[in-house]
């Protein structure tokens, strides 16, 4: 069984899923992704981790498109965000 989280993209809605037993209660999770744009996918992934009882300790991205405000969105939710390359 899985749990599902919906999130918005530019032209519609997508869903992501995670298995119910993928994360232990209280487990600390660092989310790593290749690209941060608007932050929608990142917020959805954090929501799934937290629904399973995990604690998101932060995000690491290879590329951040800062002009799309995703980093600000994540930081406004209280998350630590690190990027290897940033584009303004």
Protein backbone atom coordinates (compact mmCIF):
# COMPACT_ATOMS: atom_id res chain seq x y z
CA UNK A 1 0.00 0.00 0.00
CA UNK A 2 1.03 3.59 -0.67
CA UNK A 3 0.02 7.10 0.27
CA UNK A 4 -0.43 9.77 -2.38
CA UNK A 5 0.22 13.51 -2.50
CA UNK A 6 -1.03 15.79 -5.27
CA UNK A 7 0.87 18.88 -6.38
CA UNK A 8 0.42 21.51 -9.07
CA UNK A 9 2.56 21.92 -12.14
CA UNK A 10 2.35 24.66 -14.75
CA UNK A 11 -0.41 22.99 -16.78
CA UNK A 12 -2.20 20.74 -14.32
CA UNK A 13 -1.83 18.45 -11.35
CA UNK A 14 0.46 15.50 -10.69
CA UNK A 15 0.60 12.87 -7.98
CA UNK A 16 3.51 11.23 -6.20
CA UNK A 17 3.33 8.17 -4.01
CA UNK A 18 5.45 6.46 -1.37
CA UNK A 19 5.08 3.07 0.24
CA UNK A 20 3.54 3.12 3.71
CA UNK A 21 6.57 1.44 5.30
CA UNK A 22 9.30 3.44 3.50
CA UNK A 23 10.01 5.76 6.45
CA UNK A 24 10.21 4.96 10.14
CA UNK A 25 8.48 7.13 12.72
CA UNK A 26 10.90 9.87 13.78
CA UNK A 27 13.41 9.06 11.02
CA UNK A 28 15.42 12.08 9.84
CA UNK A 29 15.23 12.55 6.07
CA UNK A 30 17.35 14.72 3.75
CA UNK A 31 15.62 15.19 0.39
CA UNK A 32 18.01 15.42 -2.58
CA UNK A 33 16.81 16.46 -6.05
CA UNK A 34 18.35 17.71 -9.27
CA UNK A 35 16.31 20.89 -9.76
CA UNK A 36 14.38 23.39 -7.64
CA UNK A 37 12.00 25.60 -9.62
CA UNK A 38 8.70 26.61 -7.99
CA UNK A 39 9.03 24.22 -5.04
CA UNK A 40 5.79 22.32 -5.66
CA UNK A 41 7.42 18.91 -6.01
CA UNK A 42 9.67 19.54 -3.01
CA UNK A 43 6.74 20.54 -0.77
CA UNK A 44 4.81 17.45 -1.91
CA UNK A 45 7.74 15.14 -1.12
CA UNK A 46 8.20 16.72 2.31
CA UNK A 47 4.49 16.29 2.98
CA UNK A 48 4.72 12.57 2.22
CA UNK A 49 7.72 12.16 4.53
CA UNK A 50 5.90 13.98 7.33
CA UNK A 51 2.66 12.01 6.83
CA UNK A 52 4.69 8.85 7.50
CA UNK A 53 6.14 10.34 10.69
CA UNK A 54 9.52 11.32 9.29
CA UNK A 55 11.30 14.61 9.93
CA UNK A 56 12.65 16.52 6.93
CA UNK A 57 16.02 17.92 8.00
CA UNK A 58 16.52 19.79 4.74
CA UNK A 59 16.81 19.80 0.98
CA UNK A 60 19.82 19.70 -1.33
CA UNK A 61 19.47 20.59 -5.01
CA UNK A 62 22.04 20.57 -7.79
CA UNK A 63 20.40 23.55 -9.53
CA UNK A 64 18.11 26.22 -8.07
CA UNK A 65 16.21 28.59 -10.34
CA UNK A 66 15.89 31.39 -7.79
CA UNK A 67 13.80 33.61 -10.07
CA UNK A 68 10.94 31.09 -9.66
CA UNK A 69 10.87 31.57 -5.85
CA UNK A 70 11.00 27.88 -4.88
CA UNK A 71 13.80 28.44 -2.38
CA UNK A 72 11.81 31.18 -0.64
CA UNK A 73 8.73 28.94 -0.54
CA UNK A 74 10.67 26.12 1.15
CA UNK A 75 12.38 28.46 3.61
CA UNK A 76 9.02 30.06 4.46
CA UNK A 77 7.84 26.55 5.40
CA UNK A 78 10.83 26.36 7.77
CA UNK A 79 13.04 24.03 5.72
CA UNK A 80 16.80 24.30 5.30
CA UNK A 81 17.73 24.55 1.61
CA UNK A 82 21.14 24.17 -0.04
CA UNK A 83 21.99 24.49 -3.73
CA UNK A 84 25.15 23.65 -5.63
CA UNK A 85 24.40 26.10 -8.47
CA UNK A 86 22.00 29.03 -8.38
CA UNK A 87 20.53 30.96 -11.29
CA UNK A 88 18.97 34.39 -10.73
